[in-house]
Protein backbone atom coordinates (compact mmCIF):
# COMPACT_ATOMS: atom_id res chain seq x y z
CA MET A 1 -157.22 -56.38 -23.04
CA ALA A 2 -156.74 -56.56 -19.28
CA LYS A 3 -159.82 -57.05 -17.14
CA ILE A 4 -160.26 -54.71 -14.16
CA MET A 5 -162.73 -55.45 -11.38
CA ILE A 6 -164.11 -52.34 -9.65
CA VAL A 7 -165.61 -53.03 -6.23
CA ASP A 8 -167.65 -49.99 -5.24
CA ASP A 9 -171.25 -49.43 -4.17
CA ASP A 10 -171.41 -45.91 -5.62
CA GLN A 11 -172.93 -46.15 -9.10
CA THR A 12 -171.61 -42.74 -10.21
CA THR A 13 -168.04 -43.73 -9.35
CA VAL A 14 -168.41 -47.09 -11.07
CA SER A 15 -169.86 -45.49 -14.22
CA LEU A 16 -167.15 -42.84 -14.43
CA LEU A 17 -164.26 -45.26 -13.83
CA SER A 18 -165.74 -47.86 -16.18
CA THR A 19 -166.10 -45.36 -19.01
CA LEU A 20 -162.59 -43.95 -18.57
CA LEU A 21 -160.94 -47.36 -18.26
CA GLU A 22 -162.84 -48.78 -21.22
CA LEU A 23 -161.68 -45.82 -23.33
CA ASP A 24 -158.13 -46.81 -22.37
CA GLY A 25 -158.72 -50.36 -23.58
CA PHE A 26 -159.55 -52.16 -20.35
CA ASP A 27 -162.40 -54.60 -19.90
CA VAL A 28 -164.28 -53.56 -16.73
CA VAL A 29 -166.37 -55.69 -14.38
CA ALA A 30 -168.26 -53.92 -11.59
CA VAL A 31 -169.17 -55.52 -8.27
CA ARG A 32 -171.37 -53.62 -5.83
CA GLN A 33 -171.09 -55.87 -2.75
CA GLY A 34 -167.93 -57.05 -1.01
CA SER A 35 -169.54 -60.42 -0.35
CA GLU A 36 -169.75 -61.05 -4.12
CA VAL A 37 -166.09 -60.39 -4.92
CA ILE A 38 -164.62 -63.88 -4.51
CA ALA A 39 -167.27 -65.64 -6.62
CA ARG A 40 -167.17 -62.97 -9.33
CA ALA A 41 -163.37 -62.88 -9.38
CA GLU A 42 -163.23 -66.67 -9.75
CA ALA A 43 -165.59 -66.42 -12.72
CA GLU A 44 -164.12 -63.29 -14.35
CA HIS A 45 -160.36 -63.71 -13.70
CA PRO A 46 -159.53 -60.00 -13.34
CA ALA A 47 -155.95 -58.85 -13.89
CA LEU A 48 -156.43 -56.24 -11.13
CA ILE A 49 -159.05 -55.44 -8.49
CA MET A 50 -159.84 -51.90 -7.33
CA VAL A 51 -161.67 -51.82 -3.98
CA ASP A 52 -163.39 -48.92 -2.25
CA PHE A 53 -162.85 -48.73 1.51
CA HIS A 54 -166.52 -48.28 2.45
CA LEU A 55 -168.95 -50.80 0.99
CA THR A 56 -172.54 -51.29 2.12
CA ASP A 57 -172.03 -54.85 3.33
CA MET A 58 -168.42 -54.84 4.58
CA GLU A 59 -165.21 -52.86 4.77
CA GLY A 60 -162.83 -52.97 1.82
CA VAL A 61 -159.96 -54.21 4.00
CA GLU A 62 -162.02 -57.34 4.72
CA VAL A 63 -162.46 -57.83 0.97
CA ILE A 64 -158.70 -57.52 0.49
CA LYS A 65 -158.00 -60.05 3.24
CA ALA A 66 -160.46 -62.50 1.65
CA ILE A 67 -158.79 -62.11 -1.76
CA ARG A 68 -155.32 -62.59 -0.28
CA ALA A 69 -156.49 -65.72 1.57
CA HIS A 70 -157.94 -67.28 -1.59
CA SER A 71 -155.58 -69.70 -3.29
CA THR A 72 -156.26 -68.75 -6.91
CA LEU A 73 -156.74 -65.01 -6.35
CA SER A 74 -153.99 -64.23 -3.83
CA ALA A 75 -151.55 -62.83 -6.41
CA VAL A 76 -154.02 -60.49 -8.15
CA PRO A 77 -152.88 -56.86 -7.71
CA ILE A 78 -155.24 -54.81 -5.53
CA VAL A 79 -155.69 -51.04 -5.39
CA MET A 80 -157.75 -49.55 -2.58
CA ALA A 81 -159.30 -46.08 -2.77
CA SER A 82 -160.89 -43.99 -0.03
CA GLY A 83 -161.64 -40.42 0.92
CA LEU A 84 -160.09 -41.21 4.30
CA ASP A 85 -156.38 -41.81 4.72
CA VAL A 86 -156.55 -45.48 5.63
CA SER A 87 -153.42 -46.36 3.67
CA ASP A 88 -151.81 -48.19 6.60
CA ALA A 89 -154.84 -50.46 7.01
CA ALA A 90 -155.13 -51.03 3.25
CA LEU A 91 -151.47 -51.94 2.81
CA ALA A 92 -151.46 -54.11 5.96
CA ALA A 93 -154.46 -56.02 4.59
CA GLY A 94 -152.55 -56.73 1.38
CA ALA A 95 -153.30 -53.90 -1.05
CA ASN A 96 -150.52 -53.17 -3.54
CA LYS A 97 -151.42 -49.48 -3.72
CA PHE A 98 -153.64 -47.01 -1.89
CA LEU A 99 -155.24 -43.96 -3.52
CA ILE A 100 -156.77 -41.10 -1.57
CA LYS A 101 -159.93 -39.63 -3.11
CA PRO A 102 -160.18 -37.50 -5.07
CA PHE A 103 -157.51 -38.95 -7.31
CA GLU A 104 -156.82 -38.21 -10.95
CA PRO A 105 -158.64 -40.90 -12.99
CA SER A 106 -156.33 -40.31 -15.95
CA ASP A 107 -153.44 -41.68 -13.83
CA LEU A 108 -155.12 -45.07 -13.42
CA PRO A 109 -154.20 -46.73 -16.74
CA GLU A 110 -150.46 -46.28 -16.19
CA LEU A 111 -150.73 -47.42 -12.56
CA PHE A 112 -152.86 -50.43 -13.45
CA ASN A 113 -150.59 -51.49 -16.31
CA THR A 114 -147.54 -51.21 -14.03
CA LEU A 115 -149.15 -53.33 -11.33
CA ILE A 116 -150.43 -55.92 -13.82
CA ALA A 117 -146.99 -56.23 -15.42
CA GLY A 118 -145.54 -56.90 -11.98
C-alpha cells in the first residue's frame, strides 16, 4: 500500500481526498502546515506528496523547493494543486505534475500510481 502525504490546510479537502484515496488502497498522511512537511516526510516515507499552493504558513512552491533540496526526499514525486493556474511556478519549483482545481478526484489513483512507478 503506497503512502500519500497530503499537504493542505483545508480540512474539508483533506477529509475528502483521504477518504477517496483510502478507498483506493492508499495509506494517507495529512499535514496542515508547510513547515512540518520535511520532518513528517522523513518520519513517514511517503511514496508521493500532494501539495496545495496556498498554505497558512507558506506557499506550496516553497514546500516543493524544500523537498527537492532535501537529500533523502528529493526524488519523491510531487503533485501540486491550486485553483489558480500557477503551473509554471509549480513545475519550475520541481513538481512532477500540476492540477488545477476543481479536478476529478477519481483520476488521482491512476495518476499517483503512474508517478510512483516512475
